[in-house]
């Protein structure tokens, strides 16, 4: 399956204007091996940091890593999941 773009509503208000919020899904579709999924996310985050992005925070779902919020070099927010 190739790349996909999804548009989602979120409950929180905006604190700054994004040109567009992109989620990079590296872990594929469920069902997931959660340890493998976390490894894929962490590897991609590390690659993106080397390319100039900044990791802002990790969001977890219970005990499992859900996604990592990042900023591109211009300060636009995106997530790696």
PDB file of N, CA and C in Angstrom:
ATOM      1  N   UNK A   1       0.843  -1.170   0.000  1.00  0.00           N
ATOM      2  CA  UNK A   1       0.000   0.000   0.000  1.00  0.00           C
ATOM      3  C   UNK A   1       0.896   1.244   0.000  1.00  0.00           C
ATOM      4  N   UNK A   2       0.553   2.231  -0.774  1.00  0.00           N
ATOM      5  CA  UNK A   2       1.344   3.445  -0.892  1.00  0.00           C
ATOM      6  C   UNK A   2       1.007   4.486   0.161  1.00  0.00           C
ATOM      7  N   UNK A   3       1.595   5.652   0.039  1.00  0.00           N
ATOM      8  CA  UNK A   3       1.342   6.738   0.989  1.00  0.00           C
ATOM      9  C   UNK A   3      -0.126   7.151   0.987  1.00  0.00           C
ATOM     10  N   UNK A   4      -0.585   7.653   2.124  1.00  0.00           N
ATOM     11  CA  UNK A   4      -1.962   8.125   2.252  1.00  0.00           C
ATOM     12  C   UNK A   4      -1.970   9.433   3.023  1.00  0.00           C
ATOM     13  N   UNK A   5      -2.933  10.276   2.739  1.00  0.00           N
ATOM     14  CA  UNK A   5      -3.121  11.513   3.491  1.00  0.00           C
ATOM     15  C   UNK A   5      -4.479  11.425   4.159  1.00  0.00           C
ATOM     16  N   UNK A   6      -4.509  11.649   5.479  1.00  0.00           N
ATOM     17  CA  UNK A   6      -5.757  11.644   6.226  1.00  0.00           C
ATOM     18  C   UNK A   6      -5.995  13.006   6.858  1.00  0.00           C
ATOM     19  N   UNK A   7      -7.245  13.430   6.943  1.00  0.00           N
ATOM     20  CA  UNK A   7      -7.612  14.685   7.580  1.00  0.00           C
ATOM     21  C   UNK A   7      -8.435  14.353   8.816  1.00  0.00           C
ATOM     22  N   UNK A   8      -7.957  14.767   9.987  1.00  0.00           N
ATOM     23  CA  UNK A   8      -8.597  14.439  11.249  1.00  0.00           C
ATOM     24  C   UNK A   8      -8.927  15.702  12.025  1.00  0.00           C
ATOM     25  N   UNK A   9     -10.035  15.681  12.757  1.00  0.00           N
ATOM     26  CA  UNK A   9     -10.361  16.755  13.689  1.00  0.00           C
ATOM     27  C   UNK A   9      -9.686  16.431  15.015  1.00  0.00           C
ATOM     28  N   UNK A  10      -9.201  17.468  15.695  1.00  0.00           N
ATOM     29  CA  UNK A  10      -8.593  17.282  17.008  1.00  0.00           C
ATOM     30  C   UNK A  10      -9.289  18.181  18.010  1.00  0.00           C
ATOM     31  N   UNK A  11      -9.345  17.783  19.293  1.00  0.00           N
ATOM     32  CA  UNK A  11     -10.096  18.562  20.276  1.00  0.00           C
ATOM     33  C   UNK A  11      -9.409  19.845  20.723  1.00  0.00           C
ATOM     34  N   UNK A  12      -8.090  19.899  20.679  1.00  0.00           N
ATOM     35  CA  UNK A  12      -7.401  21.081  21.188  1.00  0.00           C
ATOM     36  C   UNK A  12      -7.376  22.197  20.153  1.00  0.00           C
ATOM     37  N   UNK A  13      -7.329  23.418  20.666  1.00  0.00           N
ATOM     38  CA  UNK A  13      -7.239  24.576  19.806  1.00  0.00           C
ATOM     39  C   UNK A  13      -5.830  24.786  19.304  1.00  0.00           C
ATOM     40  N   UNK A  14      -5.675  25.606  18.311  1.00  0.00           N
ATOM     41  CA  UNK A  14      -4.365  25.912  17.748  1.00  0.00           C
ATOM     42  C   UNK A  14      -3.628  26.901  18.635  1.00  0.00           C
ATOM     43  N   UNK A  15      -2.336  26.708  18.759  1.00  0.00           N
ATOM     44  CA  UNK A  15      -1.496  27.678  19.452  1.00  0.00           C
ATOM     45  C   UNK A  15      -0.635  28.451  18.456  1.00  0.00           C
ATOM     46  N   UNK A  16      -0.484  27.919  17.268  1.00  0.00           N
ATOM     47  CA  UNK A  16       0.255  28.588  16.192  1.00  0.00           C
ATOM     48  C   UNK A  16      -0.281  28.064  14.865  1.00  0.00           C
ATOM     49  N   UNK A  17      -0.091  28.826  13.823  1.00  0.00           N
ATOM     50  CA  UNK A  17      -0.606  28.437  12.519  1.00  0.00           C
ATOM     51  C   UNK A  17       0.366  27.499  11.803  1.00  0.00           C
ATOM     52  N   UNK A  18      -0.138  26.361  11.381  1.00  0.00           N
ATOM     53  CA  UNK A  18       0.622  25.446  10.534  1.00  0.00           C
ATOM     54  C   UNK A  18       0.226  25.674   9.093  1.00  0.00           C
ATOM     55  N   UNK A  19       1.172  25.490   8.207  1.00  0.00           N
ATOM     56  CA  UNK A  19       0.817  25.469   6.797  1.00  0.00           C
ATOM     57  C   UNK A  19       0.001  24.202   6.535  1.00  0.00           C
ATOM     58  N   UNK A  20       0.426  23.108   7.129  1.00  0.00           N
ATOM     59  CA  UNK A  20      -0.266  21.830   7.058  1.00  0.00           C
ATOM     60  C   UNK A  20       0.349  20.925   8.110  1.00  0.00           C
ATOM     61  N   UNK A  21      -0.457  20.082   8.740  1.00  0.00           N
ATOM     62  CA  UNK A  21       0.060  19.125   9.726  1.00  0.00           C
ATOM     63  C   UNK A  21       0.114  17.764   9.053  1.00  0.00           C
ATOM     64  N   UNK A  22       1.288  17.211   8.992  1.00  0.00           N
ATOM     65  CA  UNK A  22       1.511  15.906   8.357  1.00  0.00           C
ATOM     66  C   UNK A  22       1.796  14.871   9.433  1.00  0.00           C
ATOM     67  N   UNK A  23       1.195  13.710   9.309  1.00  0.00           N
ATOM     68  CA  UNK A  23       1.550  12.566  10.140  1.00  0.00           C
ATOM     69  C   UNK A  23       2.282  11.567   9.259  1.00  0.00           C
ATOM     70  N   UNK A  24       3.454  11.172   9.694  1.00  0.00           N
ATOM     71  CA  UNK A  24       4.231  10.170   8.971  1.00  0.00           C
ATOM     72  C   UNK A  24       4.011   8.837   9.669  1.00  0.00           C
ATOM     73  N   UNK A  25       3.362   7.924   8.978  1.00  0.00           N
ATOM     74  CA  UNK A  25       3.065   6.616   9.560  1.00  0.00           C
ATOM     75  C   UNK A  25       4.083   5.614   9.042  1.00  0.00           C
ATOM     76  N   UNK A  26       5.007   5.228   9.917  1.00  0.00           N
ATOM     77  CA  UNK A  26       6.062   4.304   9.525  1.00  0.00           C
ATOM     78  C   UNK A  26       5.757   2.880   9.967  1.00  0.00           C
ATOM     79  N   UNK A  27       4.766   2.737  10.822  1.00  0.00           N
ATOM     80  CA  UNK A  27       4.511   1.433  11.435  1.00  0.00           C
ATOM     81  C   UNK A  27       3.449   0.620  10.720  1.00  0.00           C
ATOM     82  N   UNK A  28       2.905   1.117   9.613  1.00  0.00           N
ATOM     83  CA  UNK A  28       1.901   0.362   8.876  1.00  0.00           C
ATOM     84  C   UNK A  28       0.555   0.364   9.577  1.00  0.00           C
ATOM     85  N   UNK A  29      -0.258  -0.602   9.247  1.00  0.00           N
ATOM     86  CA  UNK A  29      -1.617  -0.711   9.775  1.00  0.00           C
ATOM     87  C   UNK A  29      -1.703  -1.801  10.842  1.00  0.00           C
ATOM     88  N   UNK A  30      -2.677  -1.687  11.771  1.00  0.00           N
ATOM     89  CA  UNK A  30      -2.847  -2.743  12.773  1.00  0.00           C
ATOM     90  C   UNK A  30      -3.263  -4.050  12.101  1.00  0.00           C
ATOM     91  N   UNK A  31      -3.074  -5.189  12.736  1.00  0.00           N
ATOM     92  CA  UNK A  31      -2.529  -5.357  14.092  1.00  0.00           C
ATOM     93  C   UNK A  31      -1.006  -5.222  14.086  1.00  0.00           C
ATOM     94  N   UNK A  32      -0.473  -4.609  15.136  1.00  0.00           N
ATOM     95  CA  UNK A  32       0.947  -4.340  15.227  1.00  0.00           C
ATOM     96  C   UNK A  32       1.616  -5.225  16.259  1.00  0.00           C
ATOM     97  N   UNK A  33       2.869  -5.525  15.992  1.00  0.00           N
ATOM     98  CA  UNK A  33       3.772  -5.995  17.033  1.00  0.00           C
ATOM     99  C   UNK A  33       4.264  -4.704  17.679  1.00  0.00           C
ATOM    100  N   UNK A  34       3.853  -4.439  18.918  1.00  0.00           N
ATOM    101  CA  UNK A  34       4.088  -3.136  19.538  1.00  0.00           C
ATOM    102  C   UNK A  34       5.572  -2.821  19.717  1.00  0.00           C
ATOM    103  N   UNK A  35       6.389  -3.810  20.009  1.00  0.00           N
ATOM    104  CA  UNK A  35       7.827  -3.572  20.152  1.00  0.00           C
ATOM    105  C   UNK A  35       8.431  -3.190  18.802  1.00  0.00           C
ATOM    106  N   UNK A  36       8.021  -3.874  17.750  1.00  0.00           N
ATOM    107  CA  UNK A  36       8.521  -3.560  16.402  1.00  0.00           C
ATOM    108  C   UNK A  36       8.029  -2.176  15.968  1.00  0.00           C
ATOM    109  N   UNK A  37       6.780  -1.865  16.275  1.00  0.00           N
ATOM    110  CA  UNK A  37       6.209  -0.562  15.922  1.00  0.00           C
ATOM    111  C   UNK A  37       6.998   0.564  16.585  1.00  0.00           C
ATOM    112  N   UNK A  38       7.281   0.427  17.882  1.00  0.00           N
ATOM    113  CA  UNK A  38       8.046   1.445  18.593  1.00  0.00           C
ATOM    114  C   UNK A  38       9.441   1.606  17.990  1.00  0.00           C
ATOM    115  N   UNK A  39      10.066   0.506  17.643  1.00  0.00           N
ATOM    116  CA  UNK A  39      11.404   0.548  17.022  1.00  0.00           C
ATOM    117  C   UNK A  39      11.366   1.313  15.702  1.00  0.00           C
ATOM    118  N   UNK A  40      10.363   1.046  14.859  1.00  0.00           N
ATOM    119  CA  UNK A  40      10.233   1.742  13.582  1.00  0.00           C
ATOM    120  C   UNK A  40      10.054   3.248  13.783  1.00  0.00           C
ATOM    121  N   UNK A  41       9.226   3.620  14.769  1.00  0.00           N
ATOM    122  CA  UNK A  41       9.007   5.037  15.057  1.00  0.00           C
ATOM    123  C   UNK A  41      10.306   5.687  15.509  1.00  0.00           C
ATOM    124  N   UNK A  42      11.005   5.072  16.443  1.00  0.00           N
ATOM    125  CA  UNK A  42      12.233   5.658  16.991  1.00  0.00           C
ATOM    126  C   UNK A  42      13.332   5.792  15.923  1.00  0.00           C
ATOM    127  N   UNK A  43      13.426   4.827  15.028  1.00  0.00           N
ATOM    128  CA  UNK A  43      14.419   4.901  13.950  1.00  0.00           C
ATOM    129  C   UNK A  43      14.105   6.081  13.032  1.00  0.00           C
ATOM    130  N   UNK A  44      12.831   6.244  12.660  1.00  0.00           N
ATOM    131  CA  UNK A  44      12.455   7.349  11.768  1.00  0.00           C
ATOM    132  C   UNK A  44      12.664   8.694  12.458  1.00  0.00           C
ATOM    133  N   UNK A  45      12.326   8.792  13.751  1.00  0.00           N
ATOM    134  CA  UNK A  45      12.543  10.042  14.488  1.00  0.00           C
ATOM    135  C   UNK A  45      14.027  10.401  14.480  1.00  0.00           C
ATOM    136  N   UNK A  46      14.883   9.432  14.722  1.00  0.00           N
ATOM    137  CA  UNK A  46      16.329   9.682  14.718  1.00  0.00           C
ATOM    138  C   UNK A  46      16.792  10.165  13.346  1.00  0.00           C
ATOM    139  N   UNK A  47      16.298   9.569  12.281  1.00  0.00           N
ATOM    140  CA  UNK A  47      16.657   9.999  10.922  1.00  0.00           C
ATOM    141  C   UNK A  47      16.210  11.434  10.676  1.00  0.00           C
ATOM    142  N   UNK A  48      15.024  11.780  11.139  1.00  0.00           N
ATOM    143  CA  UNK A  48      14.492  13.115  10.916  1.00  0.00           C
ATOM    144  C   UNK A  48      15.235  14.169  11.734  1.00  0.00           C
ATOM    145  N   UNK A  49      15.689  13.802  12.925  1.00  0.00           N
ATOM    146  CA  UNK A  49      16.495  14.727  13.741  1.00  0.00           C
ATOM    147  C   UNK A  49      17.807  15.035  13.013  1.00  0.00           C
ATOM    148  N   UNK A  50      18.436  14.024  12.454  1.00  0.00           N
ATOM    149  CA  UNK A  50      19.668  14.229  11.692  1.00  0.00           C
ATOM    150  C   UNK A  50      19.403  15.149  10.495  1.00  0.00           C
ATOM    151  N   UNK A  51      18.203  15.054   9.910  1.00  0.00           N
ATOM    152  CA  UNK A  51      17.848  15.875   8.750  1.00  0.00           C
ATOM    153  C   UNK A  51      17.426  17.298   9.137  1.00  0.00           C
ATOM    154  N   UNK A  52      17.344  17.591  10.453  1.00  0.00           N
ATOM    155  CA  UNK A  52      17.042  18.958  10.871  1.00  0.00           C
ATOM    156  C   UNK A  52      15.770  19.151  11.660  1.00  0.00           C
ATOM    157  N   UNK A  53      14.992  18.092  11.863  1.00  0.00           N
ATOM    158  CA  UNK A  53      13.762  18.203  12.651  1.00  0.00           C
ATOM    159  C   UNK A  53      14.097  18.175  14.148  1.00  0.00           C
ATOM    160  N   UNK A  54      13.125  18.570  14.963  1.00  0.00           N
ATOM    161  CA  UNK A  54      13.275  18.561  16.416  1.00  0.00           C
ATOM    162  C   UNK A  54      12.168  17.712  17.021  1.00  0.00           C
ATOM    163  N   UNK A  55      12.527  16.766  17.877  1.00  0.00           N
ATOM    164  CA  UNK A  55      11.532  15.984  18.605  1.00  0.00           C
ATOM    165  C   UNK A  55      11.029  16.837  19.767  1.00  0.00           C
ATOM    166  N   UNK A  56       9.707  16.994  19.883  1.00  0.00           N
ATOM    167  CA  UNK A  56       9.095  17.840  20.901  1.00  0.00           C
ATOM    168  C   UNK A  56       8.618  17.014  22.088  1.00  0.00           C
ATOM    169  N   UNK A  57       7.842  15.963  21.811  1.00  0.00           N
ATOM    170  CA  UNK A  57       7.336  15.127  22.902  1.00  0.00           C
ATOM    171  C   UNK A  57       6.854  13.787  22.352  1.00  0.00           C
ATOM    172  N   UNK A  58       6.783  12.821  23.252  1.00  0.00           N
ATOM    173  CA  UNK A  58       6.226  11.512  22.924  1.00  0.00           C
ATOM    174  C   UNK A  58       4.833  11.412  23.528  1.00  0.00           C
ATOM    175  N   UNK A  59       3.914  10.847  22.766  1.00  0.00           N
ATOM    176  CA  UNK A  59       2.560  10.593  23.243  1.00  0.00           C
ATOM    177  C   UNK A  59       2.386   9.086  23.335  1.00  0.00           C
ATOM    178  N   UNK A  60       1.931   8.621  24.478  1.00  0.00           N
ATOM    179  CA  UNK A  60       1.752   7.183  24.694  1.00  0.00           C
ATOM    180  C   UNK A  60       0.283   6.852  24.866  1.00  0.00           C
ATOM    181  N   UNK A  61      -0.045   5.640  24.553  1.00  0.00           N
ATOM    182  CA  UNK A  61      -1.375   5.087  24.772  1.00  0.00           C
ATOM    183  C   UNK A  61      -1.196   3.964  25.777  1.00  0.00           C
ATOM    184  N   UNK A  62      -1.433   4.281  27.040  1.00  0.00           N
ATOM    185  CA  UNK A  62      -1.146   3.311  28.090  1.00  0.00           C
ATOM    186  C   UNK A  62       0.354   3.135  28.193  1.00  0.00           C
ATOM    187  N   UNK A  63       0.815   1.924  28.063  1.00  0.00           N
ATOM    188  CA  UNK A  63       2.243   1.607  28.157  1.00  0.00           C
ATOM    189  C   UNK A  63       2.979   1.733  26.824  1.00  0.00           C
ATOM    190  N   UNK A  64       2.222   1.928  25.738  1.00  0.00           N
ATOM    191  CA  UNK A  64       2.817   1.860  24.405  1.00  0.00           C
ATOM    192  C   UNK A  64       3.023   3.246  23.790  1.00  0.00           C
ATOM    193  N   UNK A  65       4.129   3.418  23.081  1.00  0.00           N
ATOM    194  CA  UNK A  65       4.385   4.652  22.348  1.00  0.00           C
ATOM    195  C   UNK A  65       3.343   4.791  21.247  1.00  0.00           C
ATOM    196  N   UNK A  66       2.652   5.916  21.237  1.00  0.00           N
ATOM    197  CA  UNK A  66       1.649   6.163  20.199  1.00  0.00           C
ATOM    198  C   UNK A  66       2.239   6.911  19.022  1.00  0.00           C
ATOM    199  N   UNK A  67       2.856   8.068  19.308  1.00  0.00           N
ATOM    200  CA  UNK A  67       3.495   8.854  18.262  1.00  0.00           C
ATOM    201  C   UNK A  67       4.455   9.854  18.898  1.00  0.00           C
ATOM    202  N   UNK A  68       5.297  10.433  18.064  1.00  0.00           N
ATOM    203  CA  UNK A  68       6.233  11.462  18.503  1.00  0.00           C
ATOM    204  C   UNK A  68       5.883  12.742  17.750  1.00  0.00           C
ATOM    205  N   UNK A  69       5.669  13.819  18.511  1.00  0.00           N
ATOM    206  CA  UNK A  69       5.398  15.126  17.925  1.00  0.00           C
ATOM    207  C   UNK A  69       6.749  15.775  17.620  1.00  0.00           C
ATOM    208  N   UNK A  70       6.879  16.307  16.415  1.00  0.00           N
ATOM    209  CA  UNK A  70       8.134  16.901  15.972  1.00  0.00           C
ATOM    210  C   UNK A  70       7.874  18.242  15.310  1.00  0.00           C
ATOM    211  N   UNK A  71       8.940  19.009  15.134  1.00  0.00           N
ATOM    212  CA  UNK A  71       8.889  20.270  14.381  1.00  0.00           C
ATOM    213  C   UNK A  71       9.874  20.189  13.229  1.00  0.00           C
ATOM    214  N   UNK A  72       9.439  20.678  12.058  1.00  0.00           N
ATOM    215  CA  UNK A  72      10.389  20.777  10.958  1.00  0.00           C
ATOM    216  C   UNK A  72      11.270  22.011  11.193  1.00  0.00           C
ATOM    217  N   UNK A  73      12.285  22.238  10.367  1.00  0.00           N
ATOM    218  CA  UNK A  73      13.178  23.371  10.593  1.00  0.00           C
ATOM    219  C   UNK A  73      12.497  24.742  10.598  1.00  0.00           C
ATOM    220  N   UNK A  74      11.303  24.853   9.993  1.00  0.00           N
ATOM    221  CA  UNK A  74      10.560  26.114   9.984  1.00  0.00           C
ATOM    222  C   UNK A  74       9.601  26.225  11.164  1.00  0.00           C
ATOM    223  N   UNK A  75       9.552  25.195  12.014  1.00  0.00           N
ATOM    224  CA  UNK A  75       8.682  25.223  13.187  1.00  0.00           C
ATOM    225  C   UNK A  75       7.299  24.651  12.968  1.00  0.00           C
ATOM    226  N   UNK A  76       7.046  24.015  11.817  1.00  0.00           N
ATOM    227  CA  UNK A  76       5.758  23.376  11.555  1.00  0.00           C
ATOM    228  C   UNK A  76       5.703  22.028  12.260  1.00  0.00           C
ATOM    229  N   UNK A  77       4.611  21.776  12.948  1.00  0.00           N
ATOM    230  CA  UNK A  77       4.434  20.548  13.714  1.00  0.00           C
ATOM    231  C   UNK A  77       4.017  19.390  12.815  1.00  0.00           C
ATOM    232  N   UNK A  78       4.555  18.218  13.103  1.00  0.00           N
ATOM    233  CA  UNK A  78       4.123  16.976  12.449  1.00  0.00           C
ATOM    234  C   UNK A  78       4.352  15.830  13.415  1.00  0.00           C
ATOM    235  N   UNK A  79       3.758  14.690  13.126  1.00  0.00           N
ATOM    236  CA  UNK A  79       3.881  13.533  14.013  1.00  0.00           C
ATOM    237  C   UNK A  79       4.442  12.336  13.259  1.00  0.00           C
ATOM    238  N   UNK A  80       5.152  11.494  13.972  1.00  0.00           N
ATOM    239  CA  UNK A  80       5.651  10.235  13.449  1.00  0.00           C
ATOM    240  C   UNK A  80       4.965   9.131  14.229  1.00  0.00           C
ATOM    241  N   UNK A  81       4.249   8.259  13.526  1.00  0.00           N
ATOM    242  CA  UNK A  81       3.493   7.191  14.172  1.00  0.00           C
ATOM    243  C   UNK A  81       3.716   5.858  13.483  1.00  0.00           C
TER     244      UNK A  81
END
